[in-house]
């Protein structure tokens, strides 16, 4: 693995995203993260998972400069992979704790939304689905996960304003569940994961499936259309002009 680090201890597996300074999501990153969660689903020794990032970013989201070089066919392939990956993570049969160590924007926020419990560092870190601010839309699955987390009205505010939320503000609308300091983030995440890991794995899997499977099946029916809409917007002249101005400090 080049971009994903995995560490196992006492039934808790920590998955750390580690790609450059901002953990920007490219196709290789998607392939690796999806493969890791596929393996952990079948790993009897993993009772709970912590998802976090290296550095000051949980994840910036898409590696826009790299993806701008893709043809439409290649970009469609990438988007289908990304949507399949977050759906896989949303339905992952074991508890997943999102330890949001820094900024979680756009695609990074989507990864956080797949988690069962989200704990975020206080301070300068922001979390947002801010695609609208750079002229982009979002996928049906992301909307479904967001509504499950914060409710319809708050989902509208998140998406239609592109607001960058502090940890405290995000907690108030249900975008994150708990706020802590940078120093105590991983210790608290491990404590929460430990509590989850003590519960019946079969009962947890069944309950999570009952809660999330209907939502996943619902947004799956619109996912393909939302991908096509996203591609059309991405390749529009006005949007590409904005996207070409995005600089990622890798």
Protein backbone atom coordinates (compact mmCIF):
# COMPACT_ATOMS: atom_id res chain seq x y z
CA UNK A 1 0.00 0.00 0.00
CA UNK A 2 1.31 3.42 -0.97
CA UNK A 3 -1.35 5.72 0.48
CA UNK A 4 -3.13 3.72 3.20
CA UNK A 5 -1.52 2.55 6.43
CA UNK A 6 -3.07 -0.22 8.53
CA UNK A 7 -2.28 -0.95 12.18
CA UNK A 8 -3.98 -3.61 14.32
CA UNK A 9 -4.15 -3.70 18.11
CA UNK A 10 -6.48 -5.61 20.44
CA UNK A 11 -9.22 -6.08 17.88
CA UNK A 12 -9.16 -2.45 16.70
CA UNK A 13 -7.73 -1.69 13.27
CA UNK A 14 -6.61 1.86 12.53
CA UNK A 15 -6.71 2.84 8.86
CA UNK A 16 -4.68 5.99 8.19
CA UNK A 17 -4.94 7.89 4.93
CA UNK A 18 -1.47 9.09 4.01
CA UNK A 19 -1.09 10.73 0.63
CA UNK A 20 1.03 13.85 0.60
CA UNK A 21 0.15 16.79 2.82
CA UNK A 22 -3.63 16.84 2.27
CA UNK A 23 -4.61 13.22 1.54
CA UNK A 24 -6.12 14.17 -1.82
CA UNK A 25 -8.14 11.38 -3.39
CA UNK A 26 -6.96 9.98 -6.72
CA UNK A 27 -7.75 6.67 -8.42
CA UNK A 28 -4.95 4.69 -6.76
CA UNK A 29 -6.09 6.03 -3.37
CA UNK A 30 -9.65 4.83 -4.07
CA UNK A 31 -8.40 1.40 -5.13
CA UNK A 32 -6.28 1.02 -2.00
CA UNK A 33 -8.89 2.24 0.48
CA UNK A 34 -11.58 0.04 -1.06
CA UNK A 35 -9.28 -3.00 -0.95
CA UNK A 36 -8.43 -2.38 2.71
CA UNK A 37 -12.07 -2.21 3.78
CA UNK A 38 -12.86 -5.29 1.71
CA UNK A 39 -10.12 -7.20 3.53
CA UNK A 40 -11.13 -5.93 6.97
CA UNK A 41 -14.75 -6.98 6.43
CA UNK A 42 -13.53 -10.59 6.27
CA UNK A 43 -10.86 -10.25 8.97
CA UNK A 44 -12.07 -12.09 12.09
CA UNK A 45 -9.49 -10.29 14.24
CA UNK A 46 -10.90 -6.84 13.38
CA UNK A 47 -13.80 -5.97 15.67
CA UNK A 48 -13.87 -2.23 14.96
CA UNK A 49 -12.10 0.22 12.64
CA UNK A 50 -10.78 3.76 13.13
CA UNK A 51 -10.45 5.86 9.97
CA UNK A 52 -8.14 8.86 10.22
CA UNK A 53 -5.58 10.86 8.25
CA UNK A 54 -1.96 11.89 8.53
CA UNK A 55 -1.07 15.53 9.10
CA UNK A 56 -3.46 18.48 9.25
CA UNK A 57 -5.99 17.02 6.80
CA UNK A 58 -8.39 14.15 7.19
CA UNK A 59 -8.78 14.55 3.44
CA UNK A 60 -8.97 17.51 1.06
CA UNK A 61 -11.20 15.55 -1.30
CA UNK A 62 -10.57 14.90 -4.99
CA UNK A 63 -7.11 15.49 -6.42
CA UNK A 64 -8.54 18.03 -8.85
CA UNK A 65 -5.32 18.93 -10.73
CA UNK A 66 -4.65 15.25 -11.47
CA UNK A 67 -8.24 14.45 -12.41
CA UNK A 68 -8.46 17.41 -14.79
CA UNK A 69 -6.12 15.45 -17.07
CA UNK A 70 -8.58 12.55 -17.37
CA UNK A 71 -10.63 11.89 -20.49
CA UNK A 72 -14.40 11.70 -19.98
CA UNK A 73 -14.32 7.90 -20.12
CA UNK A 74 -11.49 7.66 -17.61
CA UNK A 75 -13.16 10.19 -15.33
CA UNK A 76 -16.44 8.25 -15.47
CA UNK A 77 -14.54 5.12 -14.46
CA UNK A 78 -12.97 6.96 -11.53
CA UNK A 79 -16.31 8.35 -10.32
CA UNK A 80 -17.96 4.94 -10.47
CA UNK A 81 -15.10 3.51 -8.42
CA UNK A 82 -15.35 6.32 -5.87
CA UNK A 83 -19.12 5.94 -5.47
CA UNK A 84 -18.82 2.16 -5.17
CA UNK A 85 -16.12 2.59 -2.54
CA UNK A 86 -18.08 4.97 -0.30
CA UNK A 87 -21.18 2.76 -0.60
CA UNK A 88 -19.05 -0.21 0.46
CA UNK A 89 -17.78 1.77 3.44
CA UNK A 90 -21.29 3.02 4.33
CA UNK A 91 -22.48 -0.62 4.50
CA UNK A 92 -19.31 -1.97 6.15
CA UNK A 93 -20.54 -4.63 8.61
CA UNK A 94 -18.38 -3.55 11.55
CA UNK A 95 -18.21 -0.33 13.60
CA UNK A 96 -16.17 2.46 11.99
CA UNK A 97 -15.04 5.47 14.00
CA UNK A 98 -14.06 8.53 12.01
CA UNK A 99 -11.21 10.26 13.84
CA UNK A 100 -11.25 13.54 11.95
CA UNK A 101 -7.78 14.90 12.60
CA UNK A 102 -8.06 18.01 10.43
CA UNK A 103 -9.86 19.48 7.45
CA UNK A 104 -12.43 17.18 5.84
CA UNK A 105 -13.76 18.89 2.74
CA UNK A 106 -15.78 17.69 -0.25
CA UNK A 107 -14.74 14.07 -0.88
CA UNK A 108 -13.04 14.02 2.51
CA UNK A 109 -16.34 14.86 4.18
CA UNK A 110 -17.98 12.09 2.15
CA UNK A 111 -15.52 9.58 3.62
CA UNK A 112 -16.33 10.87 7.11
CA UNK A 113 -20.05 10.43 6.47
CA UNK A 114 -19.57 6.70 5.89
CA UNK A 115 -18.48 6.28 9.52
CA UNK A 116 -20.79 5.19 12.35
CA UNK A 117 -19.35 7.71 14.81
CA UNK A 118 -17.41 10.86 13.98
CA UNK A 119 -15.08 12.58 16.43
CA UNK A 120 -13.31 15.75 15.27
CA UNK A 121 -10.54 17.95 16.55
CA UNK A 122 -11.44 21.45 17.71
CA UNK A 123 -9.56 24.51 16.47
CA UNK A 124 -8.92 25.52 12.88
CA UNK A 125 -10.08 22.29 11.24
CA UNK A 126 -13.18 22.60 9.03
CA UNK A 127 -15.60 20.06 7.60
CA UNK A 128 -17.76 20.76 4.58
CA UNK A 129 -19.47 19.55 1.47
CA UNK A 130 -18.37 22.70 -0.31
CA UNK A 131 -18.57 21.55 -3.91
CA UNK A 132 -21.00 24.31 -4.84
CA UNK A 133 -18.33 26.90 -4.04
CA UNK A 134 -16.25 25.71 -7.00
CA UNK A 135 -19.19 25.07 -9.31
CA UNK A 136 -19.67 21.36 -8.71
CA UNK A 137 -22.61 19.24 -7.61
CA UNK A 138 -22.56 15.98 -5.65
CA UNK A 139 -23.66 12.35 -5.95
CA UNK A 140 -26.98 10.82 -4.94
CA UNK A 141 -25.29 8.59 -2.38
CA UNK A 142 -23.61 11.53 -0.69
CA UNK A 143 -26.93 13.32 -0.39
CA UNK A 144 -28.48 10.20 1.10
CA UNK A 145 -25.71 9.75 3.66
CA UNK A 146 -25.84 13.43 4.58
CA UNK A 147 -29.60 13.37 5.13
CA UNK A 148 -29.21 10.28 7.30
CA UNK A 149 -26.68 12.15 9.44
CA UNK A 150 -28.17 15.64 9.77
CA UNK A 151 -31.76 15.52 8.49
CA UNK A 152 -33.24 17.04 5.36
CA UNK A 153 -33.25 20.72 6.35
CA UNK A 154 -29.68 20.72 7.65
CA UNK A 155 -28.59 18.78 4.55
CA UNK A 156 -30.05 21.57 2.42
CA UNK A 157 -28.09 24.15 4.40
CA UNK A 158 -24.85 22.16 4.14
CA UNK A 159 -25.10 21.62 0.39
CA UNK A 160 -26.71 24.84 -0.81
CA UNK A 161 -24.51 27.21 1.20
CA UNK A 162 -21.18 25.37 0.99
CA UNK A 163 -20.50 26.42 4.59
CA UNK A 164 -17.17 25.41 6.12
CA UNK A 165 -18.11 24.18 9.59
CA UNK A 166 -15.92 24.21 12.66
CA UNK A 167 -16.04 21.07 14.79
CA UNK A 168 -18.39 22.72 17.27
CA UNK A 169 -20.79 23.96 14.60
CA UNK A 170 -20.69 20.58 12.88
CA UNK A 171 -21.57 18.86 16.13
CA UNK A 172 -24.58 21.12 16.60
CA UNK A 173 -26.13 19.94 13.33
CA UNK A 174 -25.10 16.29 13.70
CA UNK A 175 -22.34 16.31 11.10
CA UNK A 176 -19.96 15.12 13.82
CA UNK A 177 -20.83 13.41 17.09
CA UNK A 178 -18.06 14.54 19.40
CA UNK A 179 -15.34 17.19 19.59
CA UNK A 180 -11.96 16.79 21.23
CA UNK A 181 -8.41 18.11 21.14
CA UNK A 182 -5.67 17.08 18.75
CA UNK A 183 -3.78 15.56 21.66
CA UNK A 184 -6.63 13.31 22.79
CA UNK A 185 -8.22 12.43 19.43
CA UNK A 186 -6.80 8.97 18.94
CA UNK A 187 -7.10 7.96 22.58
CA UNK A 188 -10.79 8.89 22.58
CA UNK A 189 -11.36 7.22 19.22
CA UNK A 190 -9.81 4.02 20.53
CA UNK A 191 -11.97 4.19 23.64
CA UNK A 192 -15.13 4.55 21.53
CA UNK A 193 -14.01 1.79 19.17
CA UNK A 194 -13.32 -0.43 22.18
CA UNK A 195 -16.85 0.04 23.46
CA UNK A 196 -18.30 -0.79 20.06
CA UNK A 197 -16.07 -3.85 19.73
CA UNK A 198 -17.51 -5.34 22.92
CA UNK A 199 -21.00 -5.51 21.46
CA UNK A 200 -22.35 -8.53 19.60
CA UNK A 201 -20.85 -8.41 16.12
CA UNK A 202 -23.77 -10.30 14.58
CA UNK A 203 -26.36 -8.04 16.20
CA UNK A 204 -24.42 -4.90 15.22
CA UNK A 205 -24.11 -6.09 11.62
CA UNK A 206 -27.83 -6.84 11.43
CA UNK A 207 -28.89 -3.52 12.96
CA UNK A 208 -26.52 -1.51 10.79
CA UNK A 209 -27.81 -3.30 7.71
CA UNK A 210 -31.42 -2.58 8.70
CA UNK A 211 -30.60 1.08 9.23
CA UNK A 212 -28.45 1.68 6.18
CA UNK A 213 -29.36 -0.84 3.48
CA UNK A 214 -32.72 0.79 2.59
CA UNK A 215 -31.01 4.18 2.21
CA UNK A 216 -28.24 2.67 0.08
CA UNK A 217 -30.76 0.92 -2.17
CA UNK A 218 -32.71 4.15 -2.51
CA UNK A 219 -29.81 6.33 -3.55
CA UNK A 220 -28.36 3.58 -5.78
CA UNK A 221 -31.31 4.11 -8.12
CA UNK A 222 -30.22 7.71 -8.74
CA UNK A 223 -26.45 7.26 -8.51
CA UNK A 224 -25.79 6.70 -12.20
CA UNK A 225 -27.75 9.81 -13.21
CA UNK A 226 -25.98 11.92 -10.60
CA UNK A 227 -22.60 10.72 -11.92
CA UNK A 228 -23.58 11.73 -15.45
CA UNK A 229 -24.71 15.14 -14.19
CA UNK A 230 -21.43 15.55 -12.32
CA UNK A 231 -19.43 14.74 -15.47
CA UNK A 232 -21.40 17.25 -17.53
CA UNK A 233 -20.77 19.98 -14.98
CA UNK A 234 -17.08 19.02 -14.55
CA UNK A 235 -16.41 19.36 -18.29
CA UNK A 236 -18.34 22.60 -18.74
CA UNK A 237 -16.18 25.55 -19.78
CA UNK A 238 -17.15 27.68 -16.78
CA UNK A 239 -16.45 24.96 -14.21
CA UNK A 240 -13.13 23.90 -15.70
CA UNK A 241 -11.97 27.49 -15.63
CA UNK A 242 -12.58 27.53 -11.87
CA UNK A 243 -11.11 24.07 -11.30
CA UNK A 244 -7.88 24.97 -13.10
CA UNK A 245 -7.34 27.58 -10.42
CA UNK A 246 -7.41 24.99 -7.62
CA UNK A 247 -3.95 24.42 -6.20
CA UNK A 248 -3.17 21.50 -3.90
CA UNK A 249 -0.10 21.66 -1.70
CA UNK A 250 0.98 18.06 -2.12
